[in-house]
Amino acid sequence: MLAHYPHCAAYDPPMNTDDLLAIEQIKQLKARYFRFVDTKQWDALADLFTLEGEVRFGESEADRWIVGRHRIVRILQRTIGDGVTVHQGFMPEIEITGLATAVGTWAMHDLVDKPSGNHPIQLRGYGHYYESYAKEPDGVWRIARLQLTRVRVDPL
């Protein structure tokens, strides 16, 4: 995780109940992310990101950062369309890096089955989500930056 977030080593306070609560809130945030993508609840999904949230699906230079919660959701909506997705995130490593910031790494499996349209996608992927989070003034944790890196993809 530190390779993606080299600033993490600077903040290392002892764990307290506020940190444990924040970690649980971030776990619930990610669970909602998976559910909202898989059930196509696009408006609810948008609210999980900071206003200027960033997403990148891959790590090569060709994979561009998508900026802005509504743009992120429009691209996901267009990509998935009427397809079926199933996501599973597990074994999270979440580190509180400040009073209102955190980073996390999630191992993941996903299934994407969109056999029709201009760009058919049928895969089972394995990899990691690398994320940063921000606790906003309303007291809600949101995804500030998300990068999905699939280390293996099996065609369906």
N, C-alpha and C. Protein backbone atom coordinates (compact mmCIF):
# COMPACT_ATOMS: atom_id res chain seq x y z
N MET A 1 0.83 -1.18 0.00
CA MET A 1 0.00 0.00 0.00
C MET A 1 0.87 1.25 0.00
N LEU A 2 1.97 1.24 0.70
CA LEU A 2 2.79 2.43 0.78
C LEU A 2 3.38 2.84 -0.56
N ALA A 3 3.53 1.90 -1.49
CA ALA A 3 4.03 2.27 -2.82
C ALA A 3 3.06 3.22 -3.51
N HIS A 4 1.77 3.04 -3.29
CA HIS A 4 0.77 3.92 -3.90
C HIS A 4 0.57 5.18 -3.06
N TYR A 5 0.86 5.11 -1.75
CA TYR A 5 0.63 6.23 -0.85
C TYR A 5 1.87 6.45 0.02
N PRO A 6 2.93 7.00 -0.54
CA PRO A 6 4.17 7.13 0.22
C PRO A 6 4.05 8.06 1.43
N HIS A 7 3.02 8.90 1.47
CA HIS A 7 2.86 9.83 2.58
C HIS A 7 2.35 9.15 3.85
N CYS A 8 1.96 7.87 3.79
CA CYS A 8 1.34 7.19 4.93
C CYS A 8 2.25 7.11 6.15
N ALA A 9 3.52 6.93 5.93
CA ALA A 9 4.43 6.72 7.05
C ALA A 9 4.52 7.94 7.97
N ALA A 10 4.10 9.11 7.50
CA ALA A 10 4.24 10.33 8.29
C ALA A 10 3.25 10.40 9.45
N TYR A 11 2.14 9.72 9.38
CA TYR A 11 1.10 9.81 10.41
C TYR A 11 0.92 8.43 11.02
N ASP A 12 1.35 8.24 12.25
CA ASP A 12 1.27 6.93 12.87
C ASP A 12 0.90 7.05 14.34
N PRO A 13 -0.29 7.61 14.64
CA PRO A 13 -0.69 7.72 16.04
C PRO A 13 -1.19 6.37 16.55
N PRO A 14 -1.30 6.22 17.84
CA PRO A 14 -1.85 4.98 18.37
C PRO A 14 -3.32 4.85 17.95
N MET A 15 -3.79 3.61 17.75
CA MET A 15 -5.17 3.35 17.37
C MET A 15 -6.08 3.71 18.53
N ASN A 16 -7.18 4.39 18.24
CA ASN A 16 -8.16 4.74 19.27
C ASN A 16 -9.56 4.41 18.75
N THR A 17 -10.57 4.63 19.56
CA THR A 17 -11.93 4.27 19.16
C THR A 17 -12.42 5.11 17.98
N ASP A 18 -11.97 6.36 17.87
CA ASP A 18 -12.36 7.17 16.71
C ASP A 18 -11.81 6.57 15.42
N ASP A 19 -10.56 6.08 15.48
CA ASP A 19 -9.97 5.44 14.30
C ASP A 19 -10.72 4.16 13.95
N LEU A 20 -11.06 3.37 14.95
CA LEU A 20 -11.79 2.13 14.70
C LEU A 20 -13.16 2.42 14.09
N LEU A 21 -13.83 3.46 14.58
CA LEU A 21 -15.12 3.86 14.02
C LEU A 21 -14.96 4.31 12.57
N ALA A 22 -13.93 5.09 12.30
CA ALA A 22 -13.67 5.55 10.93
C ALA A 22 -13.41 4.37 10.00
N ILE A 23 -12.63 3.40 10.45
CA ILE A 23 -12.36 2.22 9.63
C ILE A 23 -13.64 1.47 9.32
N GLU A 24 -14.51 1.31 10.31
CA GLU A 24 -15.78 0.62 10.06
C GLU A 24 -16.66 1.42 9.10
N GLN A 25 -16.68 2.74 9.22
CA GLN A 25 -17.46 3.57 8.30
C GLN A 25 -16.93 3.44 6.87
N ILE A 26 -15.62 3.35 6.72
CA ILE A 26 -15.03 3.19 5.39
C ILE A 26 -15.36 1.81 4.83
N LYS A 27 -15.36 0.78 5.65
CA LYS A 27 -15.76 -0.55 5.19
C LYS A 27 -17.20 -0.52 4.68
N GLN A 28 -18.08 0.14 5.41
CA GLN A 28 -19.48 0.24 4.99
C GLN A 28 -19.60 1.05 3.70
N LEU A 29 -18.80 2.09 3.56
CA LEU A 29 -18.77 2.89 2.34
C LEU A 29 -18.43 2.01 1.14
N LYS A 30 -17.42 1.18 1.28
CA LYS A 30 -16.99 0.32 0.18
C LYS A 30 -18.05 -0.74 -0.13
N ALA A 31 -18.69 -1.27 0.90
CA ALA A 31 -19.77 -2.25 0.67
C ALA A 31 -20.90 -1.61 -0.14
N ARG A 32 -21.24 -0.37 0.18
CA ARG A 32 -22.27 0.33 -0.60
C ARG A 32 -21.79 0.57 -2.03
N TYR A 33 -20.52 0.90 -2.21
CA TYR A 33 -19.98 1.09 -3.56
C TYR A 33 -20.23 -0.16 -4.41
N PHE A 34 -19.85 -1.33 -3.89
CA PHE A 34 -20.05 -2.57 -4.64
C PHE A 34 -21.54 -2.80 -4.94
N ARG A 35 -22.37 -2.62 -3.93
CA ARG A 35 -23.81 -2.86 -4.11
C ARG A 35 -24.41 -1.89 -5.11
N PHE A 36 -24.06 -0.62 -5.03
CA PHE A 36 -24.65 0.37 -5.94
C PHE A 36 -24.19 0.16 -7.38
N VAL A 37 -22.94 -0.26 -7.58
CA VAL A 37 -22.49 -0.57 -8.95
C VAL A 37 -23.27 -1.78 -9.47
N ASP A 38 -23.33 -2.83 -8.67
CA ASP A 38 -23.95 -4.08 -9.13
C ASP A 38 -25.46 -3.97 -9.31
N THR A 39 -26.11 -3.09 -8.57
CA THR A 39 -27.56 -2.92 -8.70
C THR A 39 -27.93 -1.68 -9.50
N LYS A 40 -26.92 -1.02 -10.04
CA LYS A 40 -27.09 0.14 -10.91
C LYS A 40 -27.87 1.28 -10.25
N GLN A 41 -27.54 1.55 -9.00
CA GLN A 41 -28.13 2.69 -8.29
C GLN A 41 -27.20 3.89 -8.47
N TRP A 42 -27.30 4.50 -9.63
CA TRP A 42 -26.32 5.49 -10.07
C TRP A 42 -26.30 6.76 -9.22
N ASP A 43 -27.47 7.28 -8.82
CA ASP A 43 -27.48 8.49 -7.99
C ASP A 43 -26.85 8.23 -6.63
N ALA A 44 -27.18 7.09 -6.05
CA ALA A 44 -26.60 6.74 -4.76
C ALA A 44 -25.09 6.53 -4.88
N LEU A 45 -24.67 5.94 -6.00
CA LEU A 45 -23.24 5.74 -6.23
C LEU A 45 -22.49 7.07 -6.29
N ALA A 46 -23.06 8.03 -6.98
CA ALA A 46 -22.41 9.34 -7.11
C ALA A 46 -22.13 9.96 -5.74
N ASP A 47 -23.05 9.78 -4.80
CA ASP A 47 -22.90 10.39 -3.48
C ASP A 47 -21.79 9.75 -2.65
N LEU A 48 -21.25 8.63 -3.09
CA LEU A 48 -20.15 7.98 -2.36
C LEU A 48 -18.80 8.63 -2.63
N PHE A 49 -18.75 9.47 -3.67
CA PHE A 49 -17.50 10.13 -4.05
C PHE A 49 -17.50 11.59 -3.60
N THR A 50 -16.31 12.11 -3.35
CA THR A 50 -16.20 13.54 -3.15
C THR A 50 -16.58 14.23 -4.46
N LEU A 51 -16.92 15.48 -4.41
CA LEU A 51 -17.35 16.20 -5.61
C LEU A 51 -16.33 16.08 -6.72
N GLU A 52 -15.06 16.20 -6.38
CA GLU A 52 -13.98 16.11 -7.37
C GLU A 52 -13.25 14.77 -7.28
N GLY A 53 -13.99 13.73 -6.93
CA GLY A 53 -13.40 12.39 -6.83
C GLY A 53 -12.73 11.99 -8.13
N GLU A 54 -11.75 11.10 -8.01
CA GLU A 54 -11.00 10.62 -9.18
C GLU A 54 -11.02 9.10 -9.21
N VAL A 55 -11.13 8.56 -10.43
CA VAL A 55 -11.14 7.11 -10.61
C VAL A 55 -10.27 6.77 -11.81
N ARG A 56 -9.54 5.68 -11.69
CA ARG A 56 -8.78 5.15 -12.83
C ARG A 56 -8.90 3.63 -12.79
N PHE A 57 -9.32 3.06 -13.91
CA PHE A 57 -9.48 1.62 -14.03
C PHE A 57 -8.28 1.06 -14.77
N GLY A 58 -7.19 0.89 -14.07
CA GLY A 58 -5.93 0.43 -14.63
C GLY A 58 -4.82 1.32 -14.13
N GLU A 59 -3.58 0.96 -14.45
CA GLU A 59 -2.47 1.76 -13.94
C GLU A 59 -1.49 2.19 -15.02
N SER A 60 -1.79 1.89 -16.27
CA SER A 60 -0.89 2.33 -17.33
C SER A 60 -1.17 3.80 -17.68
N GLU A 61 -0.24 4.41 -18.37
CA GLU A 61 -0.41 5.80 -18.77
C GLU A 61 -1.62 5.98 -19.70
N ALA A 62 -1.99 4.91 -20.41
CA ALA A 62 -3.16 4.98 -21.31
C ALA A 62 -4.47 5.05 -20.53
N ASP A 63 -4.45 4.59 -19.28
CA ASP A 63 -5.64 4.63 -18.44
C ASP A 63 -5.72 6.01 -17.78
N ARG A 64 -6.64 6.81 -18.24
CA ARG A 64 -6.74 8.19 -17.74
C ARG A 64 -7.57 8.27 -16.47
N TRP A 65 -7.28 9.29 -15.67
CA TRP A 65 -8.07 9.57 -14.48
C TRP A 65 -9.38 10.22 -14.91
N ILE A 66 -10.47 9.72 -14.37
CA ILE A 66 -11.79 10.31 -14.56
C ILE A 66 -12.03 11.19 -13.34
N VAL A 67 -12.34 12.45 -13.56
CA VAL A 67 -12.49 13.39 -12.44
C VAL A 67 -13.92 13.90 -12.37
N GLY A 68 -14.46 13.90 -11.16
CA GLY A 68 -15.80 14.42 -10.92
C GLY A 68 -16.80 13.29 -10.72
N ARG A 69 -17.52 13.35 -9.60
CA ARG A 69 -18.42 12.24 -9.24
C ARG A 69 -19.44 11.93 -10.32
N HIS A 70 -20.02 12.94 -10.94
CA HIS A 70 -21.06 12.69 -11.94
C HIS A 70 -20.47 12.13 -13.23
N ARG A 71 -19.29 12.56 -13.59
CA ARG A 71 -18.62 12.01 -14.78
C ARG A 71 -18.23 10.55 -14.55
N ILE A 72 -17.74 10.25 -13.35
CA ILE A 72 -17.39 8.87 -13.01
C ILE A 72 -18.61 7.97 -13.20
N VAL A 73 -19.73 8.39 -12.66
CA VAL A 73 -20.94 7.58 -12.72
C VAL A 73 -21.46 7.46 -14.15
N ARG A 74 -21.42 8.54 -14.92
CA ARG A 74 -21.86 8.46 -16.32
C ARG A 74 -21.04 7.45 -17.10
N ILE A 75 -19.73 7.45 -16.88
CA ILE A 75 -18.86 6.51 -17.61
C ILE A 75 -19.13 5.08 -17.16
N LEU A 76 -19.31 4.84 -15.86
CA LEU A 76 -19.65 3.50 -15.39
C LEU A 76 -20.99 3.05 -15.96
N GLN A 77 -21.95 3.95 -15.93
CA GLN A 77 -23.29 3.63 -16.43
C GLN A 77 -23.23 3.26 -17.91
N ARG A 78 -22.49 4.03 -18.68
CA ARG A 78 -22.35 3.76 -20.11
C ARG A 78 -21.57 2.46 -20.35
N THR A 79 -20.54 2.21 -19.56
CA THR A 79 -19.72 1.02 -19.74
C THR A 79 -20.50 -0.25 -19.39
N ILE A 80 -21.19 -0.24 -18.27
CA ILE A 80 -21.91 -1.43 -17.82
C ILE A 80 -23.21 -1.61 -18.59
N GLY A 81 -23.91 -0.50 -18.86
CA GLY A 81 -25.17 -0.58 -19.60
C GLY A 81 -26.12 -1.58 -19.00
N ASP A 82 -26.62 -2.49 -19.82
CA ASP A 82 -27.55 -3.50 -19.34
C ASP A 82 -26.84 -4.78 -18.92
N GLY A 83 -25.54 -4.72 -18.80
CA GLY A 83 -24.76 -5.88 -18.39
C GLY A 83 -24.95 -6.21 -16.93
N VAL A 84 -24.32 -7.30 -16.53
CA VAL A 84 -24.38 -7.78 -15.15
C VAL A 84 -22.99 -7.70 -14.56
N THR A 85 -22.90 -7.16 -13.35
CA THR A 85 -21.62 -7.14 -12.63
C THR A 85 -21.82 -7.70 -11.23
N VAL A 86 -20.78 -8.32 -10.74
CA VAL A 86 -20.74 -8.78 -9.36
C VAL A 86 -19.35 -8.46 -8.84
N HIS A 87 -19.28 -7.70 -7.77
CA HIS A 87 -18.00 -7.32 -7.18
C HIS A 87 -17.89 -7.87 -5.76
N GLN A 88 -16.69 -8.23 -5.41
CA GLN A 88 -16.42 -8.65 -4.04
C GLN A 88 -15.10 -8.04 -3.62
N GLY A 89 -15.14 -7.30 -2.54
CA GLY A 89 -13.92 -6.75 -1.96
C GLY A 89 -13.69 -7.41 -0.61
N PHE A 90 -12.45 -7.71 -0.31
CA PHE A 90 -12.18 -8.40 0.95
C PHE A 90 -10.76 -8.07 1.42
N MET A 91 -10.50 -8.46 2.64
CA MET A 91 -9.21 -8.25 3.29
C MET A 91 -8.74 -6.80 3.19
N PRO A 92 -9.58 -5.85 3.60
CA PRO A 92 -9.15 -4.45 3.48
C PRO A 92 -8.02 -4.11 4.44
N GLU A 93 -7.13 -3.30 3.94
CA GLU A 93 -6.11 -2.67 4.78
C GLU A 93 -6.45 -1.19 4.76
N ILE A 94 -6.91 -0.67 5.86
CA ILE A 94 -7.31 0.73 5.93
C ILE A 94 -6.43 1.42 6.96
N GLU A 95 -5.86 2.53 6.55
CA GLU A 95 -4.99 3.29 7.43
C GLU A 95 -5.51 4.71 7.55
N ILE A 96 -5.75 5.14 8.77
CA ILE A 96 -6.16 6.52 9.02
C ILE A 96 -4.89 7.36 8.94
N THR A 97 -4.89 8.35 8.04
CA THR A 97 -3.68 9.13 7.80
C THR A 97 -3.76 10.55 8.35
N GLY A 98 -4.91 10.94 8.84
CA GLY A 98 -5.10 12.27 9.40
C GLY A 98 -6.47 12.34 10.05
N LEU A 99 -6.84 13.50 10.53
CA LEU A 99 -8.14 13.63 11.19
C LEU A 99 -9.31 13.36 10.25
N ALA A 100 -9.14 13.64 8.97
CA ALA A 100 -10.23 13.45 8.01
C ALA A 100 -9.74 12.80 6.72
N THR A 101 -8.68 12.01 6.81
CA THR A 101 -8.14 11.34 5.63
C THR A 101 -7.76 9.91 5.97
N ALA A 102 -7.85 9.06 4.96
CA ALA A 102 -7.48 7.66 5.12
C ALA A 102 -7.14 7.10 3.75
N VAL A 103 -6.43 5.98 3.75
CA VAL A 103 -6.15 5.25 2.52
C VAL A 103 -6.50 3.79 2.76
N GLY A 104 -6.76 3.09 1.66
CA GLY A 104 -7.10 1.69 1.80
C GLY A 104 -6.71 0.89 0.57
N THR A 105 -6.47 -0.39 0.81
CA THR A 105 -6.24 -1.35 -0.26
C THR A 105 -7.19 -2.51 -0.03
N TRP A 106 -7.90 -2.87 -1.07
CA TRP A 106 -8.86 -3.97 -1.01
C TRP A 106 -8.50 -5.01 -2.05
N ALA A 107 -8.35 -6.26 -1.66
CA ALA A 107 -8.29 -7.33 -2.65
C ALA A 107 -9.68 -7.45 -3.25
N MET A 108 -9.76 -7.86 -4.52
CA MET A 108 -11.07 -7.91 -5.16
C MET A 108 -11.17 -9.01 -6.19
N HIS A 109 -12.41 -9.46 -6.42
CA HIS A 109 -12.80 -10.29 -7.56
C HIS A 109 -13.96 -9.56 -8.20
N ASP A 110 -14.05 -9.60 -9.50
CA ASP A 110 -15.25 -9.09 -10.13
C ASP A 110 -15.61 -9.92 -11.34
N LEU A 111 -16.88 -9.85 -11.67
CA LEU A 111 -17.42 -10.49 -12.85
C LEU A 111 -18.13 -9.40 -13.63
N VAL A 112 -17.79 -9.27 -14.89
CA VAL A 112 -18.44 -8.29 -15.75
C VAL A 112 -18.92 -9.05 -16.97
N ASP A 113 -20.23 -9.01 -17.21
CA ASP A 113 -20.82 -9.74 -18.32
C ASP A 113 -21.75 -8.80 -19.09
N LYS A 114 -21.19 -8.22 -20.13
CA LYS A 114 -21.95 -7.33 -21.01
C LYS A 114 -21.69 -7.81 -22.44
N PRO A 115 -22.46 -8.82 -22.89
CA PRO A 115 -22.16 -9.42 -24.18
C PRO A 115 -22.61 -8.61 -25.39
N SER A 116 -23.46 -7.61 -25.18
CA SER A 116 -23.98 -6.85 -26.32
C SER A 116 -23.42 -5.43 -26.34
N GLY A 117 -23.75 -4.70 -27.38
CA GLY A 117 -23.33 -3.31 -27.49
C GLY A 117 -22.08 -3.15 -28.33
N ASN A 118 -21.61 -1.90 -28.41
CA ASN A 118 -20.43 -1.58 -29.22
C ASN A 118 -19.15 -2.16 -28.64
N HIS A 119 -19.09 -2.28 -27.32
CA HIS A 119 -17.88 -2.77 -26.67
C HIS A 119 -18.24 -3.90 -25.70
N PRO A 120 -18.42 -5.13 -26.21
CA PRO A 120 -18.76 -6.24 -25.30
C PRO A 120 -17.64 -6.50 -24.31
N ILE A 121 -18.03 -6.82 -23.09
CA ILE A 121 -17.07 -7.13 -22.03
C ILE A 121 -17.56 -8.40 -21.34
N GLN A 122 -16.72 -9.40 -21.26
CA GLN A 122 -17.04 -10.60 -20.52
C GLN A 122 -15.76 -11.08 -19.85
N LEU A 123 -15.69 -10.85 -18.53
CA LEU A 123 -14.46 -11.20 -17.82
C LEU A 123 -14.72 -11.52 -16.37
N ARG A 124 -13.76 -12.20 -15.81
CA ARG A 124 -13.66 -12.38 -14.36
C ARG A 124 -12.29 -11.83 -14.00
N GLY A 125 -12.28 -10.83 -13.14
CA GLY A 125 -11.03 -10.17 -12.80
C GLY A 125 -10.63 -10.38 -11.36
N TYR A 126 -9.34 -10.27 -11.14
CA TYR A 126 -8.75 -10.41 -9.80
C TYR A 126 -7.73 -9.29 -9.64
N GLY A 127 -7.76 -8.61 -8.53
CA GLY A 127 -6.79 -7.54 -8.35
C GLY A 127 -7.00 -6.79 -7.05
N HIS A 128 -6.77 -5.47 -7.14
CA HIS A 128 -6.83 -4.62 -5.95
C HIS A 128 -7.44 -3.27 -6.28
N TYR A 129 -8.14 -2.74 -5.32
CA TYR A 129 -8.54 -1.34 -5.33
C TYR A 129 -7.58 -0.60 -4.41
N TYR A 130 -6.99 0.48 -4.91
CA TYR A 130 -6.18 1.38 -4.09
C TYR A 130 -6.97 2.66 -3.97
N GLU A 131 -7.27 3.08 -2.75
CA GLU A 131 -8.19 4.20 -2.57
C GLU A 131 -7.69 5.17 -1.52
N SER A 132 -8.16 6.41 -1.65
CA SER A 132 -8.02 7.38 -0.58
C SER A 132 -9.41 7.91 -0.26
N TYR A 133 -9.60 8.30 0.98
CA TYR A 133 -10.89 8.71 1.48
C TYR A 133 -10.77 10.06 2.17
N ALA A 134 -11.87 10.79 2.17
CA ALA A 134 -11.93 12.07 2.87
C ALA A 134 -13.21 12.11 3.70
N LYS A 135 -13.07 12.55 4.93
CA LYS A 135 -14.25 12.79 5.77
C LYS A 135 -14.64 14.24 5.53
N GLU A 136 -15.79 14.42 4.94
CA GLU A 136 -16.20 15.76 4.52
C GLU A 136 -16.85 16.52 5.68
N PRO A 137 -17.07 17.83 5.51
CA PRO A 137 -17.64 18.64 6.59
C PRO A 137 -18.98 18.12 7.13
N ASP A 138 -19.73 17.37 6.31
CA ASP A 138 -21.00 16.81 6.80
C ASP A 138 -20.78 15.58 7.67
N GLY A 139 -19.50 15.19 7.90
CA GLY A 139 -19.18 14.06 8.75
C GLY A 139 -19.20 12.71 8.05
N VAL A 140 -19.41 12.72 6.74
CA VAL A 140 -19.51 11.48 5.98
C VAL A 140 -18.19 11.20 5.26
N TRP A 141 -17.73 9.94 5.36
CA TRP A 141 -16.54 9.50 4.61
C TRP A 141 -16.95 9.26 3.17
N ARG A 142 -16.13 9.73 2.23
CA ARG A 142 -16.37 9.52 0.81
C ARG A 142 -15.06 9.11 0.13
N ILE A 143 -15.20 8.51 -1.04
CA ILE A 143 -14.04 8.11 -1.82
C ILE A 143 -13.49 9.34 -2.53
N ALA A 144 -12.24 9.66 -2.29
CA ALA A 144 -11.60 10.78 -2.96
C ALA A 144 -10.85 10.33 -4.20
N ARG A 145 -10.29 9.13 -4.14
CA ARG A 145 -9.51 8.62 -5.27
C ARG A 145 -9.57 7.10 -5.25
N LEU A 146 -9.83 6.52 -6.42
CA LEU A 146 -9.96 5.07 -6.54
C LEU A 146 -9.19 4.63 -7.77
N GLN A 147 -8.33 3.66 -7.59
CA GLN A 147 -7.64 3.06 -8.73
C GLN A 147 -7.83 1.55 -8.65
N LEU A 148 -8.42 0.99 -9.71
CA LEU A 148 -8.60 -0.45 -9.80
C LEU A 148 -7.46 -1.02 -10.65
N THR A 149 -6.76 -1.98 -10.10
CA THR A 149 -5.69 -2.67 -10.82
C THR A 149 -6.02 -4.15 -10.84
N ARG A 150 -6.34 -4.65 -12.01
CA ARG A 150 -6.57 -6.09 -12.16
C ARG A 150 -5.22 -6.74 -12.47
N VAL A 151 -4.84 -7.73 -11.69
CA VAL A 151 -3.58 -8.42 -11.93
C VAL A 151 -3.79 -9.69 -12.75
N ARG A 152 -5.04 -10.08 -12.89
CA ARG A 152 -5.39 -11.22 -13.73
C ARG A 152 -6.80 -11.03 -14.25
N VAL A 153 -7.00 -11.38 -15.52
CA VAL A 153 -8.33 -11.32 -16.12
C VAL A 153 -8.54 -12.62 -16.89
N ASP A 154 -9.63 -13.31 -16.55
CA ASP A 154 -10.00 -14.53 -17.27
C ASP A 154 -11.23 -14.23 -18.11
N PRO A 155 -11.16 -14.52 -19.41
CA PRO A 155 -12.35 -14.31 -20.24
C PRO A 155 -13.44 -15.32 -19.87
N LEU A 156 -14.69 -14.92 -20.02
CA LEU A 156 -15.81 -15.84 -19.75
C LEU A 156 -16.12 -16.66 -20.98
